[in-house]
Amino acid sequence: MTALVGGIMGLLPHLLHHVGLLGGAVLVTGVTGNVAFAVLGLVFSLPLLRRLYRRFGTWKAPALALAVFALMFSLSALVIGPAISDADPQPAPVPTEQVDPDHDEHHD
């Protein structure tokens, strides 16, 4: 079940772009997409957090799991995502013509 949910969550951004050019893009880009997937990740992790609490009998294990989730999600959303998207490509260099200041001497 966990692998199925993980697979669905992995495919969700790809499938949402089929909603429409604007609909899919609005849902999964920028802050809106990051917040939506953070909330979905938190909601889908609730059963795991409950099992951790029952197994260890303290909120320390679920809190640690949430901290790891937040760290990994932040790393993915703020470091890895921007690094692989290359949203700001470097413009091609504009050729410049070097004019020799002494060039006009022989045109007289």
PDB file of N, CA and C in Angstrom:
ATOM      1  N   MET A   1       0.833  -1.192   0.000  1.00  0.00           N
ATOM      2  CA  MET A   1       0.000   0.000   0.000  1.00  0.00           C
ATOM      3  C   MET A   1       0.872   1.247   0.000  1.00  0.00           C
ATOM      4  N   THR A   2       1.941   1.232   0.800  1.00  0.00           N
ATOM      5  CA  THR A   2       2.830   2.391   0.874  1.00  0.00           C
ATOM      6  C   THR A   2       3.503   2.640  -0.472  1.00  0.00           C
ATOM      7  N   ALA A   3       3.925   1.568  -1.144  1.00  0.00           N
ATOM      8  CA  ALA A   3       4.554   1.729  -2.451  1.00  0.00           C
ATOM      9  C   ALA A   3       3.561   2.284  -3.467  1.00  0.00           C
ATOM     10  N   LEU A   4       2.321   1.856  -3.389  1.00  0.00           N
ATOM     11  CA  LEU A   4       1.293   2.361  -4.294  1.00  0.00           C
ATOM     12  C   LEU A   4       1.075   3.856  -4.072  1.00  0.00           C
ATOM     13  N   VAL A   5       0.939   4.265  -2.823  1.00  0.00           N
ATOM     14  CA  VAL A   5       0.745   5.684  -2.513  1.00  0.00           C
ATOM     15  C   VAL A   5       1.969   6.493  -2.958  1.00  0.00           C
ATOM     16  N   GLY A   6       3.168   5.956  -2.712  1.00  0.00           N
ATOM     17  CA  GLY A   6       4.389   6.646  -3.152  1.00  0.00           C
ATOM     18  C   GLY A   6       4.442   6.785  -4.657  1.00  0.00           C
ATOM     19  N   GLY A   7       4.060   5.755  -5.369  1.00  0.00           N
ATOM     20  CA  GLY A   7       4.033   5.819  -6.827  1.00  0.00           C
ATOM     21  C   GLY A   7       3.035   6.836  -7.343  1.00  0.00           C
ATOM     22  N   ILE A   8       1.863   6.864  -6.727  1.00  0.00           N
ATOM     23  CA  ILE A   8       0.846   7.845  -7.118  1.00  0.00           C
ATOM     24  C   ILE A   8       1.342   9.255  -6.857  1.00  0.00           C
ATOM     25  N   MET A   9       1.964   9.475  -5.705  1.00  0.00           N
ATOM     26  CA  MET A   9       2.480  10.810  -5.378  1.00  0.00           C
ATOM     27  C   MET A   9       3.591  11.208  -6.349  1.00  0.00           C
ATOM     28  N   GLY A  10       4.370  10.246  -6.823  1.00  0.00           N
ATOM     29  CA  GLY A  10       5.417  10.551  -7.786  1.00  0.00           C
ATOM     30  C   GLY A  10       4.860  10.908  -9.155  1.00  0.00           C
ATOM     31  N   LEU A  11       3.760  10.261  -9.532  1.00  0.00           N
ATOM     32  CA  LEU A  11       3.155  10.520 -10.838  1.00  0.00           C
ATOM     33  C   LEU A  11       2.216  11.719 -10.837  1.00  0.00           C
ATOM     34  N   LEU A  12       1.768  12.139  -9.681  1.00  0.00           N
ATOM     35  CA  LEU A  12       0.775  13.199  -9.600  1.00  0.00           C
ATOM     36  C   LEU A  12       1.191  14.487 -10.306  1.00  0.00           C
ATOM     37  N   PRO A  13       2.412  14.992 -10.129  1.00  0.00           N
ATOM     38  CA  PRO A  13       2.758  16.220 -10.855  1.00  0.00           C
ATOM     39  C   PRO A  13       2.690  16.050 -12.371  1.00  0.00           C
ATOM     40  N   HIS A  14       3.112  14.887 -12.854  1.00  0.00           N
ATOM     41  CA  HIS A  14       3.048  14.651 -14.298  1.00  0.00           C
ATOM     42  C   HIS A  14       1.599  14.595 -14.781  1.00  0.00           C
ATOM     43  N   LEU A  15       0.756  13.928 -14.037  1.00  0.00           N
ATOM     44  CA  LEU A  15      -0.630  13.783 -14.458  1.00  0.00           C
ATOM     45  C   LEU A  15      -1.406  15.080 -14.348  1.00  0.00           C
ATOM     46  N   LEU A  16      -1.058  15.934 -13.409  1.00  0.00           N
ATOM     47  CA  LEU A  16      -1.796  17.181 -13.239  1.00  0.00           C
ATOM     48  C   LEU A  16      -1.609  18.138 -14.408  1.00  0.00           C
ATOM     49  N   HIS A  17      -0.536  18.006 -15.157  1.00  0.00           N
ATOM     50  CA  HIS A  17      -0.393  18.920 -16.287  1.00  0.00           C
ATOM     51  C   HIS A  17      -1.407  18.608 -17.387  1.00  0.00           C
ATOM     52  N   HIS A  18      -2.026  17.442 -17.326  1.00  0.00           N
ATOM     53  CA  HIS A  18      -3.065  17.115 -18.284  1.00  0.00           C
ATOM     54  C   HIS A  18      -4.395  17.759 -17.924  1.00  0.00           C
ATOM     55  N   VAL A  19      -4.493  18.352 -16.739  1.00  0.00           N
ATOM     56  CA  VAL A  19      -5.723  19.034 -16.335  1.00  0.00           C
ATOM     57  C   VAL A  19      -5.996  20.202 -17.274  1.00  0.00           C
ATOM     58  N   GLY A  20      -4.967  20.798 -17.735  1.00  0.00           N
ATOM     59  CA  GLY A  20      -5.068  21.947 -18.635  1.00  0.00           C
ATOM     60  C   GLY A  20      -3.784  22.731 -18.525  1.00  0.00           C
ATOM     61  N   LEU A  21      -3.543  23.549 -19.515  1.00  0.00           N
ATOM     62  CA  LEU A  21      -2.288  24.295 -19.493  1.00  0.00           C
ATOM     63  C   LEU A  21      -2.168  25.151 -18.242  1.00  0.00           C
ATOM     64  N   LEU A  22      -3.209  25.876 -17.928  1.00  0.00           N
ATOM     65  CA  LEU A  22      -3.149  26.728 -16.745  1.00  0.00           C
ATOM     66  C   LEU A  22      -3.490  25.976 -15.475  1.00  0.00           C
ATOM     67  N   GLY A  23      -4.485  25.120 -15.521  1.00  0.00           N
ATOM     68  CA  GLY A  23      -4.912  24.410 -14.320  1.00  0.00           C
ATOM     69  C   GLY A  23      -3.814  23.579 -13.701  1.00  0.00           C
ATOM     70  N   GLY A  24      -3.143  22.768 -14.513  1.00  0.00           N
ATOM     71  CA  GLY A  24      -2.066  21.931 -13.998  1.00  0.00           C
ATOM     72  C   GLY A  24      -0.873  22.743 -13.560  1.00  0.00           C
ATOM     73  N   ALA A  25      -0.528  23.757 -14.334  1.00  0.00           N
ATOM     74  CA  ALA A  25       0.636  24.581 -13.997  1.00  0.00           C
ATOM     75  C   ALA A  25       0.412  25.348 -12.700  1.00  0.00           C
ATOM     76  N   VAL A  26      -0.775  25.867 -12.520  1.00  0.00           N
ATOM     77  CA  VAL A  26      -1.067  26.629 -11.310  1.00  0.00           C
ATOM     78  C   VAL A  26      -1.008  25.739 -10.077  1.00  0.00           C
ATOM     79  N   LEU A  27      -1.457  24.504 -10.226  1.00  0.00           N
ATOM     80  CA  LEU A  27      -1.510  23.612  -9.072  1.00  0.00           C
ATOM     81  C   LEU A  27      -0.149  23.107  -8.628  1.00  0.00           C
ATOM     82  N   VAL A  28       0.801  22.972  -9.538  1.00  0.00           N
ATOM     83  CA  VAL A  28       2.049  22.315  -9.154  1.00  0.00           C
ATOM     84  C   VAL A  28       3.286  23.196  -9.215  1.00  0.00           C
ATOM     85  N   THR A  29       3.142  24.460  -9.533  1.00  0.00           N
ATOM     86  CA  THR A  29       4.335  25.302  -9.613  1.00  0.00           C
ATOM     87  C   THR A  29       4.396  26.285  -8.459  1.00  0.00           C
ATOM     88  N   GLY A  30       5.588  26.677  -8.152  1.00  0.00           N
ATOM     89  CA  GLY A  30       5.807  27.728  -7.166  1.00  0.00           C
ATOM     90  C   GLY A  30       5.358  27.357  -5.768  1.00  0.00           C
ATOM     91  N   VAL A  31       4.988  28.369  -5.049  1.00  0.00           N
ATOM     92  CA  VAL A  31       4.595  28.210  -3.647  1.00  0.00           C
ATOM     93  C   VAL A  31       3.333  27.365  -3.523  1.00  0.00           C
ATOM     94  N   THR A  32       2.382  27.573  -4.440  1.00  0.00           N
ATOM     95  CA  THR A  32       1.122  26.813  -4.385  1.00  0.00           C
ATOM     96  C   THR A  32       1.378  25.317  -4.472  1.00  0.00           C
ATOM     97  N   GLY A  33       2.204  24.914  -5.417  1.00  0.00           N
ATOM     98  CA  GLY A  33       2.510  23.491  -5.569  1.00  0.00           C
ATOM     99  C   GLY A  33       3.266  22.936  -4.382  1.00  0.00           C
ATOM    100  N   ASN A  34       4.243  23.699  -3.880  1.00  0.00           N
ATOM    101  CA  ASN A  34       5.002  23.232  -2.717  1.00  0.00           C
ATOM    102  C   ASN A  34       4.108  23.060  -1.496  1.00  0.00           C
ATOM    103  N   VAL A  35       3.229  24.021  -1.264  1.00  0.00           N
ATOM    104  CA  VAL A  35       2.320  23.920  -0.112  1.00  0.00           C
ATOM    105  C   VAL A  35       1.353  22.756  -0.301  1.00  0.00           C
ATOM    106  N   ALA A  36       0.819  22.610  -1.510  1.00  0.00           N
ATOM    107  CA  ALA A  36      -0.135  21.513  -1.764  1.00  0.00           C
ATOM    108  C   ALA A  36       0.513  20.159  -1.527  1.00  0.00           C
ATOM    109  N   PHE A  37       1.735  19.966  -2.035  1.00  0.00           N
ATOM    110  CA  PHE A  37       2.388  18.674  -1.855  1.00  0.00           C
ATOM    111  C   PHE A  37       2.894  18.471  -0.432  1.00  0.00           C
ATOM    112  N   ALA A  38       3.237  19.535   0.263  1.00  0.00           N
ATOM    113  CA  ALA A  38       3.615  19.401   1.672  1.00  0.00           C
ATOM    114  C   ALA A  38       2.412  18.952   2.502  1.00  0.00           C
ATOM    115  N   VAL A  39       1.258  19.543   2.244  1.00  0.00           N
ATOM    116  CA  VAL A  39       0.042  19.158   2.972  1.00  0.00           C
ATOM    117  C   VAL A  39      -0.339  17.720   2.631  1.00  0.00           C
ATOM    118  N   LEU A  40      -0.271  17.368   1.338  1.00  0.00           N
ATOM    119  CA  LEU A  40      -0.580  15.985   0.956  1.00  0.00           C
ATOM    120  C   LEU A  40       0.385  15.000   1.614  1.00  0.00           C
ATOM    121  N   GLY A  41       1.657  15.336   1.630  1.00  0.00           N
ATOM    122  CA  GLY A  41       2.639  14.465   2.276  1.00  0.00           C
ATOM    123  C   GLY A  41       2.363  14.304   3.754  1.00  0.00           C
ATOM    124  N   LEU A  42       1.991  15.391   4.399  1.00  0.00           N
ATOM    125  CA  LEU A  42       1.669  15.331   5.826  1.00  0.00           C
ATOM    126  C   LEU A  42       0.423  14.480   6.065  1.00  0.00           C
ATOM    127  N   VAL A  43      -0.599  14.678   5.252  1.00  0.00           N
ATOM    128  CA  VAL A  43      -1.839  13.903   5.418  1.00  0.00           C
ATOM    129  C   VAL A  43      -1.574  12.410   5.194  1.00  0.00           C
ATOM    130  N   PHE A  44      -0.805  12.085   4.146  1.00  0.00           N
ATOM    131  CA  PHE A  44      -0.532  10.678   3.871  1.00  0.00           C
ATOM    132  C   PHE A  44       0.429  10.053   4.886  1.00  0.00           C
ATOM    133  N   SER A  45       1.138  10.873   5.651  1.00  0.00           N
ATOM    134  CA  SER A  45       2.041  10.311   6.663  1.00  0.00           C
ATOM    135  C   SER A  45       1.356  10.105   8.015  1.00  0.00           C
ATOM    136  N   LEU A  46       0.120  10.569   8.175  1.00  0.00           N
ATOM    137  CA  LEU A  46      -0.574  10.415   9.462  1.00  0.00           C
ATOM    138  C   LEU A  46      -0.678   8.966   9.935  1.00  0.00           C
ATOM    139  N   PRO A  47      -1.024   7.990   9.071  1.00  0.00           N
ATOM    140  CA  PRO A  47      -1.053   6.601   9.560  1.00  0.00           C
ATOM    141  C   PRO A  47       0.315   6.130  10.075  1.00  0.00           C
ATOM    142  N   LEU A  48       1.373   6.506   9.392  1.00  0.00           N
ATOM    143  CA  LEU A  48       2.712   6.144   9.846  1.00  0.00           C
ATOM    144  C   LEU A  48       3.013   6.797  11.195  1.00  0.00           C
ATOM    145  N   LEU A  49       2.657   8.053  11.342  1.00  0.00           N
ATOM    146  CA  LEU A  49       2.915   8.755  12.602  1.00  0.00           C
ATOM    147  C   LEU A  49       2.138   8.108  13.756  1.00  0.00           C
ATOM    148  N   ARG A  50       0.922   7.689  13.491  1.00  0.00           N
ATOM    149  CA  ARG A  50       0.133   7.003  14.531  1.00  0.00           C
ATOM    150  C   ARG A  50       0.768   5.677  14.917  1.00  0.00           C
ATOM    151  N   ARG A  51       1.261   4.918  13.920  1.00  0.00           N
ATOM    152  CA  ARG A  51       1.933   3.635  14.222  1.00  0.00           C
ATOM    153  C   ARG A  51       3.197   3.865  15.035  1.00  0.00           C
ATOM    154  N   LEU A  52       3.952   4.902  14.690  1.00  0.00           N
ATOM    155  CA  LEU A  52       5.163   5.217  15.458  1.00  0.00           C
ATOM    156  C   LEU A  52       4.820   5.561  16.903  1.00  0.00           C
ATOM    157  N   TYR A  53       3.748   6.312  17.080  1.00  0.00           N
ATOM    158  CA  TYR A  53       3.346   6.663  18.442  1.00  0.00           C
ATOM    159  C   TYR A  53       2.948   5.419  19.234  1.00  0.00           C
ATOM    160  N   ARG A  54       2.169   4.530  18.606  1.00  0.00           N
ATOM    161  CA  ARG A  54       1.743   3.309  19.311  1.00  0.00           C
ATOM    162  C   ARG A  54       2.931   2.401  19.613  1.00  0.00           C
ATOM    163  N   ARG A  55       3.875   2.313  18.694  1.00  0.00           N
ATOM    164  CA  ARG A  55       5.009   1.414  18.890  1.00  0.00           C
ATOM    165  C   ARG A  55       5.942   1.901  19.989  1.00  0.00           C
ATOM    166  N   PHE A  56       6.251   3.215  20.004  1.00  0.00           N
ATOM    167  CA  PHE A  56       7.210   3.727  20.974  1.00  0.00           C
ATOM    168  C   PHE A  56       6.556   4.341  22.207  1.00  0.00           C
ATOM    169  N   GLY A  57       5.263   4.605  22.169  1.00  0.00           N
ATOM    170  CA  GLY A  57       4.554   5.125  23.324  1.00  0.00           C
ATOM    171  C   GLY A  57       4.922   6.567  23.682  1.00  0.00           C
ATOM    172  N   THR A  58       5.520   7.279  22.763  1.00  0.00           N
ATOM    173  CA  THR A  58       5.883   8.667  22.995  1.00  0.00           C
ATOM    174  C   THR A  58       5.759   9.441  21.685  1.00  0.00           C
ATOM    175  N   TRP A  59       5.651  10.755  21.797  1.00  0.00           N
ATOM    176  CA  TRP A  59       5.546  11.588  20.605  1.00  0.00           C
ATOM    177  C   TRP A  59       6.910  11.926  20.016  1.00  0.00           C
ATOM    178  N   LYS A  60       7.996  11.445  20.656  1.00  0.00           N
ATOM    179  CA  LYS A  60       9.337  11.756  20.154  1.00  0.00           C
ATOM    180  C   LYS A  60       9.588  11.131  18.784  1.00  0.00           C
ATOM    181  N   ALA A  61       9.199   9.888  18.592  1.00  0.00           N
ATOM    182  CA  ALA A  61       9.425   9.213  17.306  1.00  0.00           C
ATOM    183  C   ALA A  61       8.627   9.881  16.172  1.00  0.00           C
ATOM    184  N   PRO A  62       7.332  10.159  16.362  1.00  0.00           N
ATOM    185  CA  PRO A  62       6.608  10.863  15.295  1.00  0.00           C
ATOM    186  C   PRO A  62       7.163  12.270  15.041  1.00  0.00           C
ATOM    187  N   ALA A  63       7.595  12.953  16.102  1.00  0.00           N
ATOM    188  CA  ALA A  63       8.165  14.288  15.918  1.00  0.00           C
ATOM    189  C   ALA A  63       9.463  14.219  15.120  1.00  0.00           C
ATOM    190  N   LEU A  64      10.284  13.220  15.395  1.00  0.00           N
ATOM    191  CA  LEU A  64      11.516  13.023  14.636  1.00  0.00           C
ATOM    192  C   LEU A  64      11.202  12.693  13.176  1.00  0.00           C
ATOM    193  N   ALA A  65      10.199  11.853  12.966  1.00  0.00           N
ATOM    194  CA  ALA A  65       9.795  11.508  11.598  1.00  0.00           C
ATOM    195  C   ALA A  65       9.293  12.753  10.860  1.00  0.00           C
ATOM    196  N   LEU A  66       8.533  13.603  11.529  1.00  0.00           N
ATOM    197  CA  LEU A  66       8.064  14.849  10.911  1.00  0.00           C
ATOM    198  C   LEU A  66       9.228  15.782  10.593  1.00  0.00           C
ATOM    199  N   ALA A  67      10.204  15.836  11.471  1.00  0.00           N
ATOM    200  CA  ALA A  67      11.377  16.684  11.233  1.00  0.00           C
ATOM    201  C   ALA A  67      12.150  16.193  10.005  1.00  0.00           C
ATOM    202  N   VAL A  68      12.300  14.877   9.884  1.00  0.00           N
ATOM    203  CA  VAL A  68      12.986  14.317   8.713  1.00  0.00           C
ATOM    204  C   VAL A  68      12.184  14.610   7.450  1.00  0.00           C
ATOM    205  N   PHE A  69      10.860  14.453   7.518  1.00  0.00           N
ATOM    206  CA  PHE A  69       9.997  14.762   6.381  1.00  0.00           C
ATOM    207  C   PHE A  69      10.154  16.223   5.976  1.00  0.00           C
ATOM    208  N   ALA A  70      10.112  17.132   6.939  1.00  0.00           N
ATOM    209  CA  ALA A  70      10.235  18.563   6.639  1.00  0.00           C
ATOM    210  C   ALA A  70      11.600  18.881   6.037  1.00  0.00           C
ATOM    211  N   LEU A  71      12.642  18.270   6.568  1.00  0.00           N
ATOM    212  CA  LEU A  71      13.983  18.503   6.050  1.00  0.00           C
ATOM    213  C   LEU A  71      14.109  18.001   4.611  1.00  0.00           C
ATOM    214  N   MET A  72      13.652  16.795   4.352  1.00  0.00           N
ATOM    215  CA  MET A  72      13.759  16.224   3.014  1.00  0.00           C
ATOM    216  C   MET A  72      12.868  16.977   2.016  1.00  0.00           C
ATOM    217  N   PHE A  73      11.685  17.359   2.442  1.00  0.00           N
ATOM    218  CA  PHE A  73      10.796  18.103   1.555  1.00  0.00           C
ATOM    219  C   PHE A  73      11.399  19.466   1.233  1.00  0.00           C
ATOM    220  N   SER A  74      11.953  20.132   2.230  1.00  0.00           N
ATOM    221  CA  SER A  74      12.583  21.437   2.000  1.00  0.00           C
ATOM    222  C   SER A  74      13.778  21.308   1.067  1.00  0.00           C
ATOM    223  N   LEU A  75      14.586  20.289   1.279  1.00  0.00           N
ATOM    224  CA  LEU A  75      15.734  20.059   0.412  1.00  0.00           C
ATOM    225  C   LEU A  75      15.276  19.847  -1.034  1.00  0.00           C
ATOM    226  N   SER A  76      14.232  19.070  -1.202  1.00  0.00           N
ATOM    227  CA  SER A  76      13.713  18.797  -2.536  1.00  0.00           C
ATOM    228  C   SER A  76      13.112  20.047  -3.173  1.00  0.00           C
ATOM    229  N   ALA A  77      12.302  20.784  -2.411  1.00  0.00           N
ATOM    230  CA  ALA A  77      11.580  21.927  -2.968  1.00  0.00           C
ATOM    231  C   ALA A  77      12.460  23.156  -3.164  1.00  0.00           C
ATOM    232  N   LEU A  78      13.430  23.353  -2.286  1.00  0.00           N
ATOM    233  CA  LEU A  78      14.200  24.591  -2.320  1.00  0.00           C
ATOM    234  C   LEU A  78      15.590  24.458  -2.930  1.00  0.00           C
ATOM    235  N   VAL A  79      16.129  23.240  -2.998  1.00  0.00           N
ATOM    236  CA  VAL A  79      17.481  23.069  -3.520  1.00  0.00           C
ATOM    237  C   VAL A  79      17.471  22.230  -4.800  1.00  0.00           C
ATOM    238  N   ILE A  80      16.963  21.019  -4.715  1.00  0.00           N
ATOM    239  CA  ILE A  80      17.031  20.105  -5.854  1.00  0.00           C
ATOM    240  C   ILE A  80      16.122  20.559  -6.997  1.00  0.00           C
ATOM    241  N   GLY A  81      14.887  20.926  -6.679  1.00  0.00           N
ATOM    242  CA  GLY A  81      13.951  21.364  -7.716  1.00  0.00           C
ATOM    243  C   GLY A  81      14.462  22.540  -8.529  1.00  0.00           C
ATOM    244  N   PRO A  82      14.856  23.627  -7.874  1.00  0.00           N
ATOM    245  CA  PRO A  82      15.396  24.746  -8.655  1.00  0.00           C
ATOM    246  C   PRO A  82      16.674  24.399  -9.412  1.00  0.00           C
ATOM    247  N   ALA A  83      17.480  23.517  -8.862  1.00  0.00           N
ATOM    248  CA  ALA A  83      18.731  23.157  -9.545  1.00  0.00           C
ATOM    249  C   ALA A  83      18.474  22.392 -10.840  1.00  0.00           C
ATOM    250  N   ILE A  84      17.460  21.533 -10.854  1.00  0.00           N
ATOM    251  CA  ILE A  84      17.203  20.753 -12.060  1.00  0.00           C
ATOM    252  C   ILE A  84      16.251  21.445 -13.021  1.00  0.00           C
ATOM    253  N   SER A  85      15.524  22.455 -12.573  1.00  0.00           N
ATOM    254  CA  SER A  85      14.578  23.119 -13.470  1.00  0.00           C
ATOM    255  C   SER A  85      15.251  24.164 -14.335  1.00  0.00           C
ATOM    256  N   ASP A  86      16.322  24.788 -13.863  1.00  0.00           N
ATOM    257  CA  ASP A  86      17.059  25.800 -14.606  1.00  0.00           C
ATOM    258  C   ASP A  86      16.101  26.804 -15.224  1.00  0.00           C
ATOM    259  N   ALA A  87      15.276  27.415 -14.381  1.00  0.00           N
ATOM    260  CA  ALA A  87      14.258  28.353 -14.836  1.00  0.00           C
ATOM    261  C   ALA A  87      14.849  29.639 -15.403  1.00  0.00           C
ATOM    262  N   ASP A  88      16.066  29.965 -15.044  1.00  0.00           N
ATOM    263  CA  ASP A  88      16.681  31.203 -15.499  1.00  0.00           C
ATOM    264  C   ASP A  88      17.923  30.876 -16.325  1.00  0.00           C
ATOM    265  N   PRO A  89      17.744  30.482 -17.595  1.00  0.00           N
ATOM    266  CA  PRO A  89      18.913  30.139 -18.396  1.00  0.00           C
ATOM    267  C   PRO A  89      19.754  31.378 -18.685  1.00  0.00           C
ATOM    268  N   GLN A  90      21.017  31.164 -18.844  1.00  0.00           N
ATOM    269  CA  GLN A  90      21.927  32.266 -19.151  1.00  0.00           C
ATOM    270  C   GLN A  90      21.700  32.699 -20.592  1.00  0.00           C
ATOM    271  N   PRO A  91      21.544  33.998 -20.826  1.00  0.00           N
ATOM    272  CA  PRO A  91      21.346  34.448 -22.208  1.00  0.00           C
ATOM    273  C   PRO A  91      22.626  34.264 -23.024  1.00  0.00           C
ATOM    274  N   ALA A  92      22.439  34.090 -24.312  1.00  0.00           N
ATOM    275  CA  ALA A  92      23.592  33.944 -25.202  1.00  0.00           C
ATOM    276  C   ALA A  92      24.364  35.257 -25.226  1.00  0.00           C
ATOM    277  N   PRO A  93      25.670  35.183 -25.271  1.00  0.00           N
ATOM    278  CA  PRO A  93      26.440  36.429 -25.295  1.00  0.00           C
ATOM    279  C   PRO A  93      26.178  37.203 -26.581  1.00  0.00           C
ATOM    280  N   VAL A  94      26.069  38.512 -26.441  1.00  0.00           N
ATOM    281  CA  VAL A  94      25.831  39.378 -27.580  1.00  0.00           C
ATOM    282  C   VAL A  94      27.184  39.719 -28.194  1.00  0.00           C
ATOM    283  N   PRO A  95      27.348  39.459 -29.477  1.00  0.00           N
ATOM    284  CA  PRO A  95      28.641  39.784 -30.083  1.00  0.00           C
ATOM    285  C   PRO A  95      28.853  41.293 -30.116  1.00  0.00           C
ATOM    286  N   THR A  96      30.020  41.687 -29.763  1.00  0.00           N
ATOM    287  CA  THR A  96      30.352  43.114 -29.792  1.00  0.00           C
ATOM    288  C   THR A  96      31.488  43.330 -30.769  1.00  0.00           C
ATOM    289  N   GLU A  97      31.437  44.429 -31.461  1.00  0.00           N
ATOM    290  CA  GLU A  97      32.461  44.756 -32.438  1.00  0.00           C
ATOM    291  C   GLU A  97      33.469  45.680 -31.790  1.00  0.00           C
ATOM    292  N   GLN A  98      34.703  45.287 -31.846  1.00  0.00           N
ATOM    293  CA  GLN A  98      35.767  46.114 -31.301  1.00  0.00           C
ATOM    294  C   GLN A  98      36.229  47.081 -32.390  1.00  0.00           C
ATOM    295  N   VAL A  99      36.137  48.347 -32.100  1.00  0.00           N
ATOM    296  CA  VAL A  99      36.547  49.364 -33.059  1.00  0.00           C
ATOM    297  C   VAL A  99      37.911  49.898 -32.637  1.00  0.00           C
ATOM    298  N   ASP A 100      38.812  49.851 -33.569  1.00  0.00           N
ATOM    299  CA  ASP A 100      40.159  50.353 -33.309  1.00  0.00           C
ATOM    300  C   ASP A 100      40.112  51.884 -33.343  1.00  0.00           C
ATOM    301  N   PRO A 101      40.573  52.570 -32.298  1.00  0.00           N
ATOM    302  CA  PRO A 101      40.492  54.037 -32.276  1.00  0.00           C
ATOM    303  C   PRO A 101      41.333  54.684 -33.380  1.00  0.00           C
ATOM    304  N   ASP A 102      42.357  54.025 -33.875  1.00  0.00           N
ATOM    305  CA  ASP A 102      43.213  54.592 -34.924  1.00  0.00           C
ATOM    306  C   ASP A 102      42.685  54.268 -36.338  1.00  0.00           C
ATOM    307  N   HIS A 103      41.566  53.617 -36.438  1.00  0.00           N
ATOM    308  CA  HIS A 103      41.042  53.159 -37.709  1.00  0.00           C
ATOM    309  C   HIS A 103      40.663  54.316 -38.636  1.00  0.00           C
ATOM    310  N   ASP A 104      40.187  55.409 -38.079  1.00  0.00           N
ATOM    311  CA  ASP A 104      39.738  56.522 -38.908  1.00  0.00           C
ATOM    312  C   ASP A 104      40.873  57.273 -39.594  1.00  0.00           C
ATOM    313  N   GLU A 105      42.105  57.056 -39.219  1.00  0.00           N
ATOM    314  CA  GLU A 105      43.222  57.802 -39.760  1.00  0.00           C
ATOM    315  C   GLU A 105      43.383  57.623 -41.268  1.00  0.00           C
ATOM    316  N   HIS A 106      43.192  56.448 -41.788  1.00  0.00           N
ATOM    317  CA  HIS A 106      43.419  56.230 -43.205  1.00  0.00           C
ATOM    318  C   HIS A 106      42.198  56.506 -44.082  1.00  0.00           C
ATOM    319  N   HIS A 107      41.100  56.982 -43.513  1.00  0.00           N
ATOM    320  CA  HIS A 107      39.894  57.289 -44.284  1.00  0.00           C
ATOM    321  C   HIS A 107      39.874  58.737 -44.755  1.00  0.00           C
ATOM    322  N   ASP A 108      40.821  59.540 -44.396  1.00  0.00           N
ATOM    323  CA  ASP A 108      40.817  60.965 -44.772  1.00  0.00           C
ATOM    324  C   ASP A 108      41.178  61.185 -46.179  1.00  0.00           C
TER     325      ASP A 108
END
